[in-house]
Protein backbone atom coordinates (compact mmCIF):
# COMPACT_ATOMS: atom_id res chain seq x y z
CA MET A 1 19.07 74.28 -1.42
CA SER A 2 21.26 72.29 0.81
CA LEU A 3 19.78 70.51 4.26
CA PRO A 4 20.77 71.18 7.66
CA ALA A 5 24.90 70.67 8.10
CA PRO A 6 26.22 68.63 10.84
CA ALA A 7 25.93 70.09 14.01
CA PRO A 8 29.26 71.91 15.47
CA GLY A 9 31.63 69.64 17.00
CA SER A 10 30.28 66.69 15.66
CA ASP A 11 32.68 64.71 13.81
CA PRO A 12 32.54 65.19 9.88
CA GLY A 13 33.95 61.73 8.71
CA PRO A 14 36.41 61.19 6.49
CA PRO A 15 36.01 62.21 2.85
CA PRO A 16 35.37 59.96 0.32
CA GLN A 17 37.84 57.67 -0.26
CA ARG A 18 39.65 55.99 -3.58
CA LEU A 19 40.75 52.22 -2.46
CA SER A 20 42.86 49.89 -4.53
CA ALA A 21 41.43 47.45 -6.47
CA TRP A 22 41.98 44.51 -4.29
CA ARG A 23 41.33 46.92 -0.95
CA THR A 24 37.89 47.59 -3.06
CA VAL A 25 36.87 43.59 -3.16
CA VAL A 26 37.64 43.24 0.27
CA PHE A 27 35.41 45.86 1.69
CA GLY A 28 32.82 45.12 -0.80
CA THR A 29 33.12 41.74 0.81
CA GLN A 30 32.93 42.78 3.91
CA HIS A 31 29.60 44.71 3.64
CA VAL A 32 28.29 41.53 1.64
CA LEU A 33 28.88 39.14 4.64
CA VAL A 34 27.92 42.04 7.33
CA MET A 35 24.19 42.57 5.87
CA TYR A 36 23.58 39.06 3.97
CA THR A 37 22.25 36.97 7.07
CA GLY A 38 20.09 39.96 7.76
CA CYS A 39 18.58 40.11 4.33
CA VAL A 40 17.86 36.82 3.53
CA ALA A 41 15.94 37.07 6.93
CA VAL A 42 13.12 38.34 5.62
CA PRO A 43 12.62 35.72 3.10
CA LEU A 44 13.02 32.72 5.07
CA VAL A 45 10.59 34.44 7.83
CA PHE A 46 8.10 35.01 5.60
CA GLY A 47 8.28 31.79 3.89
CA ALA A 48 7.61 30.48 7.02
CA ALA A 49 4.62 32.21 8.57
CA VAL A 50 2.44 32.08 5.22
CA GLY A 51 3.39 27.91 4.44
CA LEU A 52 5.84 27.83 1.94
CA ASP A 53 7.99 25.08 0.99
CA LYS A 54 12.06 25.36 1.24
CA SER A 55 12.44 25.26 -2.89
CA THR A 56 9.60 28.26 -3.07
CA ILE A 57 11.95 30.43 -0.23
CA ALA A 58 14.71 29.42 -1.75
CA VAL A 59 13.51 31.16 -4.78
CA LEU A 60 12.41 34.46 -2.62
CA VAL A 61 16.01 34.52 -1.29
CA ASN A 62 17.61 34.61 -4.72
CA ALA A 63 15.53 37.35 -6.17
CA ASP A 64 16.12 38.98 -2.89
CA LEU A 65 19.66 39.07 -3.23
CA LEU A 66 19.18 39.87 -6.59
CA VAL A 67 17.15 42.88 -5.95
CA ALA A 68 18.95 43.69 -3.51
CA GLY A 69 22.27 44.14 -5.49
CA VAL A 70 20.27 46.01 -8.48
CA ILE A 71 19.03 48.58 -6.08
CA THR A 72 22.55 49.24 -4.14
CA ILE A 73 24.50 49.52 -7.71
CA VAL A 74 21.98 52.62 -8.23
CA GLN A 75 22.36 53.88 -5.04
CA ALA A 76 26.07 53.79 -4.94
CA ALA A 77 26.60 54.67 -8.54
CA GLY A 78 23.48 56.46 -9.69
CA ILE A 79 21.35 57.01 -12.52
CA GLY A 80 22.39 60.53 -13.58
CA LYS A 81 19.63 63.03 -11.41
CA VAL A 82 17.11 60.60 -11.94
CA LEU A 83 17.61 57.65 -9.06
CA GLY A 84 20.28 56.82 -6.54
CA VAL A 85 21.95 59.10 -4.10
CA ARG A 86 25.33 58.59 -4.97
CA LEU A 87 26.59 57.44 -1.03
CA PRO A 88 28.22 54.28 -0.13
CA VAL A 89 25.08 52.63 1.07
CA ILE A 90 24.40 48.71 0.85
CA ALA A 91 20.16 48.06 0.16
CA GLY A 92 18.54 45.46 1.44
CA ALA A 93 14.86 43.56 2.41
CA SER A 94 13.21 45.47 5.13
CA PHE A 95 11.79 43.86 8.42
CA THR A 96 9.58 47.05 8.45
CA ALA A 97 7.48 45.02 5.42
CA VAL A 98 7.55 41.37 6.84
CA ASN A 99 4.63 41.80 8.99
CA PRO A 100 2.36 43.55 6.86
CA MET A 101 2.83 41.27 4.07
CA ILE A 102 2.28 37.88 6.27
CA LEU A 103 -1.02 39.72 6.99
CA ILE A 104 -2.30 40.25 3.39
CA GLY A 105 -0.72 36.95 2.65
CA GLN A 106 -3.12 35.45 5.24
CA GLN A 107 -6.27 36.97 4.29
CA TYR A 108 -5.83 37.46 0.78
CA GLY A 109 -3.30 35.21 -0.89
CA LEU A 110 0.24 35.81 -2.66
CA SER A 111 -0.74 37.37 -5.23
CA ALA A 112 -2.46 40.27 -3.56
CA VAL A 113 0.97 40.55 -1.64
CA TYR A 114 3.12 41.39 -4.61
CA GLY A 115 0.21 43.46 -6.11
CA ALA A 116 0.02 45.84 -3.19
CA MET A 117 4.02 46.03 -3.29
CA ILE A 118 3.90 47.16 -6.81
CA ALA A 119 1.39 49.85 -5.98
CA ALA A 120 3.26 51.04 -3.07
CA GLY A 121 6.13 51.06 -4.93
CA VAL A 122 4.52 53.45 -7.23
CA PHE A 123 3.36 55.60 -4.83
CA GLY A 124 6.91 55.85 -3.13
CA VAL A 125 7.93 56.96 -6.82
CA LEU A 126 5.41 59.63 -6.63
CA VAL A 127 6.02 61.05 -2.67
CA ALA A 128 9.50 60.61 -2.72
CA VAL A 129 9.66 64.53 -3.47
CA PRO A 130 7.60 65.81 -1.76
CA PHE A 131 8.73 63.83 1.51
CA ALA A 132 11.68 64.86 0.88
CA ARG A 133 10.29 68.29 0.83
CA LEU A 134 9.24 67.64 4.26
CA LEU A 135 12.30 67.14 6.27
CA ARG A 136 11.46 69.57 8.63
CA TYR A 137 9.25 67.32 10.09
CA PHE A 138 11.45 64.41 10.72
CA PRO A 139 14.38 66.93 12.91
CA PRO A 140 17.01 64.81 14.88
CA ILE A 141 14.15 64.07 17.72
CA VAL A 142 12.36 62.05 15.16
CA ARG A 143 15.40 60.87 13.48
CA GLY A 144 17.23 59.49 16.48
CA ALA A 145 14.53 57.79 18.39
CA ALA A 146 13.51 56.25 14.91
CA VAL A 147 16.99 54.62 14.77
CA THR A 148 17.76 53.74 18.26
CA MET A 149 14.46 51.70 18.59
CA ILE A 150 16.03 50.09 14.69
CA GLY A 151 18.88 49.27 16.46
CA LEU A 152 16.91 47.69 20.11
CA SER A 153 14.32 46.09 18.24
CA LEU A 154 16.79 43.91 16.21
CA ILE A 155 19.19 42.73 18.84
CA GLY A 156 16.59 39.88 19.58
CA ASN A 157 17.30 38.48 15.79
CA ALA A 158 21.40 38.69 16.90
CA VAL A 159 20.71 37.10 19.91
CA THR A 160 18.69 34.19 18.05
CA MET A 161 21.17 33.71 15.65
CA ILE A 162 23.92 33.15 18.29
CA PHE A 163 22.32 29.82 19.85
CA ASP A 164 21.06 29.33 16.18
CA GLY A 165 17.42 27.42 17.19
CA HIS A 166 19.58 25.13 20.17
CA ALA A 167 19.63 25.79 24.12
CA PRO A 168 21.75 28.34 25.42
CA ASP A 169 25.16 26.52 26.15
CA GLY A 170 28.75 27.76 27.03
CA THR A 171 29.77 26.53 23.80
CA HIS A 172 28.06 29.29 21.58
CA LEU A 173 28.34 31.71 24.39
CA ALA A 174 32.13 31.59 24.38
CA LEU A 175 32.24 31.44 20.45
CA ALA A 176 30.25 34.50 20.33
CA ALA A 177 32.01 36.73 22.86
CA GLY A 178 35.45 35.28 21.55
CA VAL A 179 34.24 36.98 17.61
CA ILE A 180 32.82 40.49 19.82
CA VAL A 181 36.64 40.52 21.20
CA VAL A 182 38.21 40.05 18.22
CA ILE A 183 36.15 42.97 16.84
CA VAL A 184 36.78 45.38 19.63
CA ALA A 185 40.43 43.95 19.49
CA LEU A 186 41.18 44.87 15.96
CA MET A 187 39.18 48.24 16.15
CA ARG A 188 41.03 49.29 19.45
CA TYR A 189 45.08 48.01 18.48
CA GLY A 190 44.77 47.16 15.01
CA ARG A 191 46.28 49.68 12.32
CA GLY A 192 44.94 50.54 8.52
CA ILE A 193 44.07 47.38 6.64
CA PHE A 194 43.34 44.97 10.11
CA ALA A 195 41.17 47.56 11.68
CA GLN A 196 39.48 48.10 8.99
CA SER A 197 38.31 44.73 8.16
CA ALA A 198 38.05 43.73 11.86
CA VAL A 199 34.40 42.82 11.70
CA LEU A 200 35.40 40.67 8.33
CA ILE A 201 38.62 38.94 9.98
CA ALA A 202 36.24 38.04 13.20
CA LEU A 203 33.85 36.04 10.81
CA VAL A 204 36.37 33.92 9.54
CA ALA A 205 37.96 33.33 12.35
CA GLY A 206 34.65 32.71 13.88
CA THR A 207 34.16 30.38 11.11
CA VAL A 208 37.47 28.53 11.78
CA VAL A 209 36.79 27.84 15.56
CA ALA A 210 33.08 27.00 14.63
CA ALA A 211 34.48 24.63 12.04
CA ALA A 212 36.52 22.79 14.47
CA CYS A 213 33.93 22.85 17.32
CA SER A 214 31.66 21.19 14.62
CA LEU A 215 28.94 23.98 14.41
CA THR A 216 29.14 24.31 10.17
CA ASP A 217 27.78 22.59 7.52
CA PHE A 218 28.28 22.79 4.47
CA THR A 219 26.79 19.79 2.50
CA GLY A 220 23.64 22.05 0.64
CA VAL A 221 26.79 23.76 -1.27
CA GLY A 222 27.17 20.42 -3.42
CA ALA A 223 22.97 20.31 -3.92
CA ALA A 224 22.91 23.88 -4.82
CA GLY A 225 22.26 25.08 -8.38
CA TRP A 226 25.11 27.13 -10.70
CA LEU A 227 22.50 29.25 -12.23
CA GLY A 228 19.31 30.75 -10.75
CA LEU A 229 16.88 33.25 -13.18
CA PRO A 230 14.13 35.21 -11.48
CA ASN A 231 10.46 33.70 -12.29
CA PRO A 232 8.42 36.51 -12.57
CA PHE A 233 5.22 36.98 -11.15
CA ARG A 234 5.29 33.06 -9.77
CA PHE A 235 2.49 33.03 -7.48
CA GLY A 236 0.28 34.53 -10.38
CA ALA A 237 -0.88 37.96 -11.95
CA PRO A 238 -1.14 40.50 -9.16
CA GLU A 239 -4.17 41.55 -7.94
CA PHE A 240 -4.45 44.83 -5.68
CA PRO A 241 -6.94 44.79 -2.63
CA ILE A 242 -7.34 48.30 -1.26
CA ALA A 243 -6.86 47.16 2.46
CA GLY A 244 -3.43 45.60 1.18
CA ILE A 245 -2.26 48.46 -0.94
CA VAL A 246 -3.18 51.09 1.83
CA SER A 247 -1.18 48.98 4.56
CA MET A 248 1.56 48.91 2.15
CA CYS A 249 1.50 52.39 1.28
CA LEU A 250 1.91 53.17 5.21
CA VAL A 251 5.28 50.36 5.18
CA MET A 252 6.70 52.79 2.21
CA LEU A 253 6.66 56.25 4.68
CA VAL A 254 8.04 54.47 7.14
CA VAL A 255 10.46 52.91 5.00
CA PHE A 256 11.28 56.51 3.70
CA ALA A 257 11.63 57.42 7.38
CA GLU A 258 14.49 54.66 8.24
CA SER A 259 16.32 54.85 4.90
CA THR A 260 16.53 59.20 5.67
CA ALA A 261 17.76 58.56 8.77
CA TYR A 262 20.08 56.47 7.47
CA LEU A 263 21.17 59.17 4.44
CA LEU A 264 21.37 61.71 6.64
CA SER A 265 24.14 59.81 8.75
CA VAL A 266 26.36 58.62 5.83
CA SER A 267 25.67 62.10 4.30
CA GLU A 268 26.99 64.04 7.65
CA TYR A 269 29.98 61.44 7.93
CA SER A 270 31.39 61.32 4.53
CA ALA A 271 30.89 65.37 4.61
CA GLN A 272 28.72 65.17 1.60
CA PRO A 273 26.39 67.75 1.27
CA MET A 274 22.19 66.29 1.31
CA GLU A 275 20.20 68.12 -0.95
CA HIS A 276 16.29 67.64 -1.42
CA GLY A 277 17.15 66.29 -4.58
CA ARG A 278 19.60 64.40 -3.49
CA LEU A 279 17.28 62.65 -1.08
CA ALA A 280 14.15 62.48 -3.17
CA ARG A 281 16.38 60.48 -5.63
CA GLY A 282 17.04 58.04 -2.51
CA LEU A 283 13.73 57.37 -2.16
CA ALA A 284 12.87 57.23 -5.17
CA ALA A 285 15.37 54.08 -5.69
CA ASP A 286 13.16 52.77 -2.71
CA GLY A 287 10.48 53.17 -4.38
CA VAL A 288 11.70 51.16 -7.57
CA SER A 289 12.56 48.73 -5.35
CA ALA A 290 9.08 47.75 -4.63
CA ILE A 291 8.08 48.09 -7.93
CA VAL A 292 10.88 45.64 -9.15
CA ALA A 293 10.16 43.31 -6.21
CA GLY A 294 6.68 42.93 -6.65
CA LEU A 295 7.14 41.74 -10.47
CA LEU A 296 10.36 39.26 -8.74
CA ASN A 297 8.62 38.22 -5.64
CA SER A 298 11.08 40.02 -3.84
CA PHE A 299 10.80 42.60 -0.80
CA PRO A 300 10.70 46.26 -0.82
CA ASP A 301 14.55 47.70 0.08
CA THR A 302 15.80 50.44 2.08
CA VAL A 303 19.31 51.33 3.24
CA PHE A 304 20.41 48.73 5.35
CA ALA A 305 21.60 49.53 9.31
CA GLN A 306 24.36 47.78 9.85
CA ASN A 307 26.27 48.78 7.06
CA VAL A 308 25.66 52.62 7.61
CA SER A 309 26.95 51.51 11.40
CA LEU A 310 29.91 49.50 9.29
CA VAL A 311 30.64 52.78 7.37
CA ARG A 312 31.46 54.62 10.67
CA ILE A 313 33.25 51.87 12.16
CA THR A 314 35.80 51.35 9.56
CA GLY A 315 35.48 54.96 7.96
CA VAL A 316 35.59 53.29 4.62
CA VAL A 317 33.63 55.92 2.63
CA SER A 318 34.00 54.59 -0.48
CA ARG A 319 31.26 54.36 -3.30
CA ALA A 320 33.29 52.13 -5.35
CA ALA A 321 33.38 49.24 -2.48
CA ALA A 322 29.25 49.65 -2.02
CA VAL A 323 29.11 48.95 -6.23
CA VAL A 324 31.81 45.99 -5.98
CA ALA A 325 28.88 45.17 -2.60
CA GLY A 326 26.00 45.06 -5.30
CA ALA A 327 27.52 43.27 -8.02
CA MET A 328 28.20 40.45 -5.36
CA LEU A 329 24.55 40.63 -4.45
CA VAL A 330 23.81 39.84 -7.72
CA VAL A 331 25.61 37.15 -8.39
CA LEU A 332 24.90 35.49 -5.38
CA GLY A 333 20.62 35.76 -6.29
CA LEU A 334 21.84 34.13 -9.74
CA VAL A 335 24.48 31.52 -8.65
CA PRO A 336 22.44 29.39 -6.02
CA LYS A 337 25.81 27.60 -5.58
CA MET A 338 27.79 30.75 -4.19
CA GLY A 339 24.53 32.00 -2.01
CA GLU A 340 24.62 28.77 0.01
CA VAL A 341 28.50 29.19 0.71
CA VAL A 342 27.62 32.30 2.61
CA ALA A 343 24.19 31.10 3.82
CA SER A 344 26.16 28.12 5.73
CA LEU A 345 28.37 30.43 7.99
CA PRO A 346 28.04 29.62 11.53
CA GLY A 347 24.52 31.34 12.55
CA VAL A 348 26.64 31.78 15.88
CA VAL A 349 29.14 33.67 14.17
CA ILE A 350 26.83 36.04 11.83
CA GLY A 351 24.63 36.35 15.22
CA ALA A 352 28.15 37.99 17.18
CA VAL A 353 28.88 40.20 14.44
CA SER A 354 25.02 41.28 13.92
CA LEU A 355 25.02 41.85 18.08
CA VAL A 356 27.89 44.21 17.18
CA MET A 357 26.23 45.94 14.22
CA PHE A 358 22.76 46.85 15.49
CA ALA A 359 24.05 47.99 19.24
CA THR A 360 25.94 50.31 17.12
CA VAL A 361 23.08 50.95 14.98
CA ALA A 362 20.90 52.06 18.60
CA GLY A 363 24.00 53.99 19.22
CA VAL A 364 24.19 55.95 16.40
CA GLY A 365 20.46 56.61 17.32
CA ILE A 366 21.43 57.72 20.84
CA ALA A 367 24.15 60.53 18.90
CA THR A 368 21.52 61.79 16.96
CA LEU A 369 19.27 62.52 19.96
CA ALA A 370 22.19 63.80 21.45
CA ARG A 371 22.13 66.86 18.78
CA ALA A 372 18.70 67.55 19.86
CA ASP A 373 17.72 69.60 23.10
CA LEU A 374 16.63 67.33 25.62
CA VAL A 375 16.82 69.67 28.71
CA ARG A 376 13.68 70.64 27.35
CA ASP A 377 10.89 68.99 28.86
CA ASP A 378 9.12 68.64 25.31
CA ASN A 379 12.08 66.59 23.71
CA LEU A 380 12.31 64.56 26.70
CA LEU A 381 8.74 63.45 26.71
CA ILE A 382 8.81 62.97 22.97
CA VAL A 383 11.55 60.22 22.94
CA SER A 384 10.45 59.21 26.10
CA LEU A 385 6.94 58.04 24.50
CA ALA A 386 7.94 57.28 21.51
CA VAL A 387 10.79 54.58 22.99
CA GLY A 388 8.23 53.31 25.42
CA VAL A 389 5.29 52.50 22.91
CA GLY A 390 7.68 51.22 20.12
CA MET A 391 9.17 48.62 23.15
CA ILE A 392 5.30 47.05 23.52
CA PRO A 393 5.27 45.15 20.31
CA ILE A 394 9.02 43.87 21.49
CA VAL A 395 7.80 43.31 25.23
CA ALA A 396 4.17 42.75 25.12
CA PRO A 397 3.40 41.63 21.61
CA GLN A 398 -0.18 40.00 22.86
CA VAL A 399 -1.21 43.37 23.61
CA TYR A 400 -2.33 44.04 20.05
CA GLU A 401 -3.38 40.45 19.01
CA GLY A 402 -7.28 41.07 19.45
CA LEU A 403 -6.77 44.74 17.31
CA PRO A 404 -7.89 44.56 13.45
CA ALA A 405 -5.58 43.63 11.19
CA ALA A 406 -4.91 47.07 9.37
CA VAL A 407 -4.44 48.35 13.48
CA ARG A 408 -1.86 45.56 14.21
CA ILE A 409 0.28 46.71 11.13
CA VAL A 410 0.81 49.72 12.28
CA ALA A 411 1.03 49.91 15.91
CA GLY A 412 2.51 46.06 16.33
CA GLY A 413 5.58 46.82 15.45
CA ALA A 414 7.98 48.72 17.28
CA ILE A 415 9.82 50.77 14.01
CA THR A 416 5.88 52.03 13.01
CA SER A 417 4.52 53.08 16.35
CA THR A 418 7.97 54.51 17.17
CA VAL A 419 8.18 56.62 13.94
CA LEU A 420 4.45 57.71 14.62
CA VAL A 421 4.72 58.83 17.76
CA ALA A 422 7.42 60.96 17.61
CA PHE A 423 6.45 62.29 14.12
CA VAL A 424 2.93 63.34 15.65
CA LEU A 425 4.38 64.27 19.25
CA ASN A 426 7.14 66.40 17.34
CA LEU A 427 3.98 68.25 15.15
CA ILE A 428 1.69 68.93 18.25
CA PHE A 429 4.99 70.44 20.45
CA HIS A 430 6.83 72.07 17.77
CA HIS A 431 4.71 72.96 14.67
CA LEU A 432 1.22 73.37 15.38
CA ARG A 433 0.74 76.70 17.36
CA VAL A 434 -2.38 76.75 19.86
CA PRO A 435 -3.47 80.53 19.52
CA ARG A 436 -3.81 82.02 22.98
CA ARG A 437 -7.04 84.60 23.84
CA SER A 438 -5.64 88.09 24.48
CA ARG A 439 -6.73 89.49 27.48
CA PRO A 440 -8.65 92.73 28.17
CA THR A 441 -7.01 95.63 28.43
CA ALA A 442 -7.78 97.65 31.60
CA ALA A 443 -8.67 101.05 31.01
CA VAL A 444 -6.20 103.61 31.64
CA THR A 445 -7.50 106.81 33.36
CA ASP A 446 -4.49 108.64 33.95
CA VAL A 447 -1.04 107.88 32.27
CA ARG A 448 0.53 110.98 34.00
CA PRO A 449 3.79 109.98 36.46
CA GLN A 450 2.67 110.27 40.07
CA GLU A 451 4.40 112.02 42.65
CA VAL A 452 6.62 109.51 44.53
CA ARG A 453 6.98 109.90 48.16
CA ILE A 454 9.92 108.86 50.20
């Protein structure tokens, strides 16, 4: 049984493509450059929050890239009918897991973080099939609200990267604007490979200009090593606190909701039918990523939003390009020197590209919402409240500071709160039927037609 087909009149996108070898490498490289900063931002933020030194954070970064590469290959190529969705998607560390991991680490220690992650990964593998069967509880109104909030919540990160810790100035603004203009111009006036490689061309051009403005620093490349192997259980044998396991299992469900929205988007755009079994294999790969990440001191992976946007922007639907991107991530994870080159790209350029990608993610969410009947008051209320509640942690994060850690893990995240509100309201309005009391029928004494006089 296939999942719901695209709405009439929607853009089904191009069919899967066979690219030449050099085009496959180019588009695979573009995927890596687009997702790299967002992927490594997770270990950087987590490491700083729990007080790790730079060398330890570097180990987390390498492990993060290695796991992301392996899961990307699994998702794109597939392992028979066991794991992998077999679509051109890129996996990367999920921002959804960062805050819960920080709270668990601060309260129980790092060994508990990775123990809870392993347990959540096992949980994810076990519930992947039933979760895929419950897809009717995640209609466009719920998925669209979630994807829209993911895009909106990440825009702030893009702006932060543009200024790269500096006070706002004309140079950074002008360079960021120039990068965006290049992307728009190539998308509008470019043809063939130039339009499809708009993001990559803008990255290279922006880096050249940034170097001329002394905004680049590649000195760390020389000091980086050529080989960095993973170090399992670096922080000791895993521990399994109940509160930490429950928190990470909730995170896994939210990761599933994120991945489901993106997998359906890519499936529709690439005109590939999404059956329940296929979706379950994709979600199970997310669960496996958490298990492997717990062993190698990494982070749970999800389908990366900006790469879904890249597929839609470029029109390149190629699983081979995704496999190449996964192989590159594995190499970057094993060769710190190569990873340092990409990490040294100027933040202002990466931030400008990310702004386009994250805004496109929000646009994809809005397009998904457009498939719902928003003229109906109940649907409009669902999306309005979900997005409104989701914005609270962004505009007023101090609201949740005094609440217990378990509550902050769920309510204090823009994405988690949006998904939960949309899911619960959708249940209330569309699935929970409240029985109505039947009114007593008045006794009828005479049912004969009455004479009508005019």
